[in-house]
Amino acid sequence: MASLKASGFSTLINMAWREMRISRARVRRSGVSVTHLFFAVGSVLFGEASVEGANIMKEVVTEYEEVSRQLVNFDKFLIYFSGNMGHEV
């Protein structure tokens, strides 16, 4: 059951990427790029470090809640930014 839910979430994230609503993060300059990683106890989502990027990612998560009927606890969300990001973000 968990893999089906992760698969559905992955599909929504990939759809948002194909629609150019979110961007991928490069693992290294000439390497692969990723939008998300799933683990047994959580997920890591990658996207643009901006207010708009955060809002779009929240829209994707909210859409997942609606289609899966699973609630996401936003109080337990953590957001990390690269050390080279400005404080305005």
C-alpha atoms as a PDB file:
ATOM      1  CA  MET A   1       0.000   0.000   0.000  1.00  0.00           C
ATOM      2  CA  ALA A   2       2.794   2.452   0.865  1.00  0.00           C
ATOM      3  CA  SER A   3       4.490   1.907  -2.491  1.00  0.00           C
ATOM      4  CA  LEU A   4       1.241   2.691  -4.305  1.00  0.00           C
ATOM      5  CA  LYS A   5       0.947   5.946  -2.384  1.00  0.00           C
ATOM      6  CA  ALA A   6       4.581   6.831  -3.105  1.00  0.00           C
ATOM      7  CA  SER A   7       4.001   5.983  -6.757  1.00  0.00           C
ATOM      8  CA  GLY A   8       1.008   8.321  -6.898  1.00  0.00           C
ATOM      9  CA  PHE A   9       2.950  11.093  -5.198  1.00  0.00           C
ATOM     10  CA  SER A  10       5.867  10.548  -7.582  1.00  0.00           C
ATOM     11  CA  THR A  11       3.464  10.800 -10.531  1.00  0.00           C
ATOM     12  CA  LEU A  12       2.123  14.157  -9.290  1.00  0.00           C
ATOM     13  CA  ILE A  13       5.648  15.513  -8.790  1.00  0.00           C
ATOM     14  CA  ASN A  14       6.717  14.362 -12.269  1.00  0.00           C
ATOM     15  CA  MET A  15       3.598  15.916 -13.800  1.00  0.00           C
ATOM     16  CA  ALA A  16       4.429  19.237 -12.122  1.00  0.00           C
ATOM     17  CA  TRP A  17       7.972  18.993 -13.524  1.00  0.00           C
ATOM     18  CA  ARG A  18       6.739  18.232 -17.062  1.00  0.00           C
ATOM     19  CA  GLU A  19       4.379  21.224 -16.776  1.00  0.00           C
ATOM     20  CA  MET A  20       7.452  23.289 -15.760  1.00  0.00           C
ATOM     21  CA  ARG A  21       5.861  24.194 -12.430  1.00  0.00           C
ATOM     22  CA  ILE A  22       8.831  22.810 -10.455  1.00  0.00           C
ATOM     23  CA  SER A  23      12.487  22.360 -11.307  1.00  0.00           C
ATOM     24  CA  ARG A  24      14.954  19.587 -10.633  1.00  0.00           C
ATOM     25  CA  ALA A  25      18.052  19.878  -8.465  1.00  0.00           C
ATOM     26  CA  ARG A  26      21.348  18.790  -9.952  1.00  0.00           C
ATOM     27  CA  VAL A  27      23.295  16.273  -7.905  1.00  0.00           C
ATOM     28  CA  ARG A  28      26.440  17.696  -9.473  1.00  0.00           C
ATOM     29  CA  ARG A  29      27.040  20.084 -12.360  1.00  0.00           C
ATOM     30  CA  SER A  30      27.239  17.434 -15.064  1.00  0.00           C
ATOM     31  CA  GLY A  31      25.318  14.756 -13.200  1.00  0.00           C
ATOM     32  CA  VAL A  32      21.766  13.601 -12.827  1.00  0.00           C
ATOM     33  CA  SER A  33      18.995  15.829 -11.558  1.00  0.00           C
ATOM     34  CA  VAL A  34      16.224  14.913  -9.102  1.00  0.00           C
ATOM     35  CA  THR A  35      12.867  16.246  -7.978  1.00  0.00           C
ATOM     36  CA  HIS A  36      12.342  13.893  -5.038  1.00  0.00           C
ATOM     37  CA  LEU A  37      13.671  10.986  -3.009  1.00  0.00           C
ATOM     38  CA  PHE A  38      11.442   8.609  -1.057  1.00  0.00           C
ATOM     39  CA  PHE A  39      12.506   6.715   2.056  1.00  0.00           C
ATOM     40  CA  ALA A  40      10.671   4.312   4.358  1.00  0.00           C
ATOM     41  CA  VAL A  41      10.053   7.031   6.963  1.00  0.00           C
ATOM     42  CA  GLY A  42       9.815  10.174   4.868  1.00  0.00           C
ATOM     43  CA  SER A  43      10.462  12.038   1.656  1.00  0.00           C
ATOM     44  CA  VAL A  44      12.824  14.711   0.406  1.00  0.00           C
ATOM     45  CA  LEU A  45      11.486  17.114  -2.216  1.00  0.00           C
ATOM     46  CA  PHE A  46      13.759  19.351  -4.278  1.00  0.00           C
ATOM     47  CA  GLY A  47      12.686  22.574  -5.919  1.00  0.00           C
ATOM     48  CA  GLU A  48      13.308  26.229  -6.520  1.00  0.00           C
ATOM     49  CA  ALA A  49      14.277  28.117  -3.361  1.00  0.00           C
ATOM     50  CA  SER A  50      11.753  30.921  -3.650  1.00  0.00           C
ATOM     51  CA  VAL A  51       8.362  31.813  -2.219  1.00  0.00           C
ATOM     52  CA  GLU A  52       6.780  30.833  -5.541  1.00  0.00           C
ATOM     53  CA  GLY A  53       8.680  27.530  -5.604  1.00  0.00           C
ATOM     54  CA  ALA A  54       7.553  26.712  -2.056  1.00  0.00           C
ATOM     55  CA  ASN A  55       3.936  27.554  -2.890  1.00  0.00           C
ATOM     56  CA  ILE A  56       4.000  25.352  -5.982  1.00  0.00           C
ATOM     57  CA  MET A  57       5.447  22.447  -3.994  1.00  0.00           C
ATOM     58  CA  LYS A  58       2.734  22.943  -1.363  1.00  0.00           C
ATOM     59  CA  GLU A  59       0.115  22.843  -4.148  1.00  0.00           C
ATOM     60  CA  VAL A  60       1.524  19.491  -5.310  1.00  0.00           C
ATOM     61  CA  VAL A  61       1.415  18.106  -1.752  1.00  0.00           C
ATOM     62  CA  THR A  62      -2.131  19.420  -1.273  1.00  0.00           C
ATOM     63  CA  GLU A  63      -3.187  17.778  -4.541  1.00  0.00           C
ATOM     64  CA  TYR A  64      -1.677  14.518  -3.258  1.00  0.00           C
ATOM     65  CA  GLU A  65      -3.741  14.875  -0.058  1.00  0.00           C
ATOM     66  CA  GLU A  66      -6.914  15.284  -2.101  1.00  0.00           C
ATOM     67  CA  VAL A  67      -6.402  12.323  -4.443  1.00  0.00           C
ATOM     68  CA  SER A  68      -4.947   9.926  -1.843  1.00  0.00           C
ATOM     69  CA  ARG A  69      -7.197  10.966   1.047  1.00  0.00           C
ATOM     70  CA  GLN A  70      -4.049  11.092   3.198  1.00  0.00           C
ATOM     71  CA  LEU A  71      -3.329  14.138   5.331  1.00  0.00           C
ATOM     72  CA  VAL A  72       0.153  15.654   5.412  1.00  0.00           C
ATOM     73  CA  ASN A  73       1.223  17.267   8.670  1.00  0.00           C
ATOM     74  CA  PHE A  74       2.728  20.582   7.551  1.00  0.00           C
ATOM     75  CA  ASP A  75       3.794  21.251  11.159  1.00  0.00           C
ATOM     76  CA  LYS A  76       6.386  18.485  10.731  1.00  0.00           C
ATOM     77  CA  PHE A  77       7.715  19.819   7.419  1.00  0.00           C
ATOM     78  CA  LEU A  78      11.289  21.004   7.349  1.00  0.00           C
ATOM     79  CA  ILE A  79      12.689  23.274   4.661  1.00  0.00           C
ATOM     80  CA  TYR A  80      16.397  23.490   3.974  1.00  0.00           C
ATOM     81  CA  PHE A  81      18.110  25.955   1.678  1.00  0.00           C
ATOM     82  CA  SER A  82      21.563  25.939   0.185  1.00  0.00           C
ATOM     83  CA  GLY A  83      24.130  27.987   2.105  1.00  0.00           C
ATOM     84  CA  ASN A  84      24.451  30.359  -0.852  1.00  0.00           C
ATOM     85  CA  MET A  85      20.806  31.517  -0.708  1.00  0.00           C
ATOM     86  CA  GLY A  86      19.999  35.053   0.257  1.00  0.00           C
ATOM     87  CA  HIS A  87      18.121  35.812   3.462  1.00  0.00           C
ATOM     88  CA  GLU A  88      15.187  37.303   1.500  1.00  0.00           C
ATOM     89  CA  VAL A  89      14.151  33.802   0.382  1.00  0.00           C
END
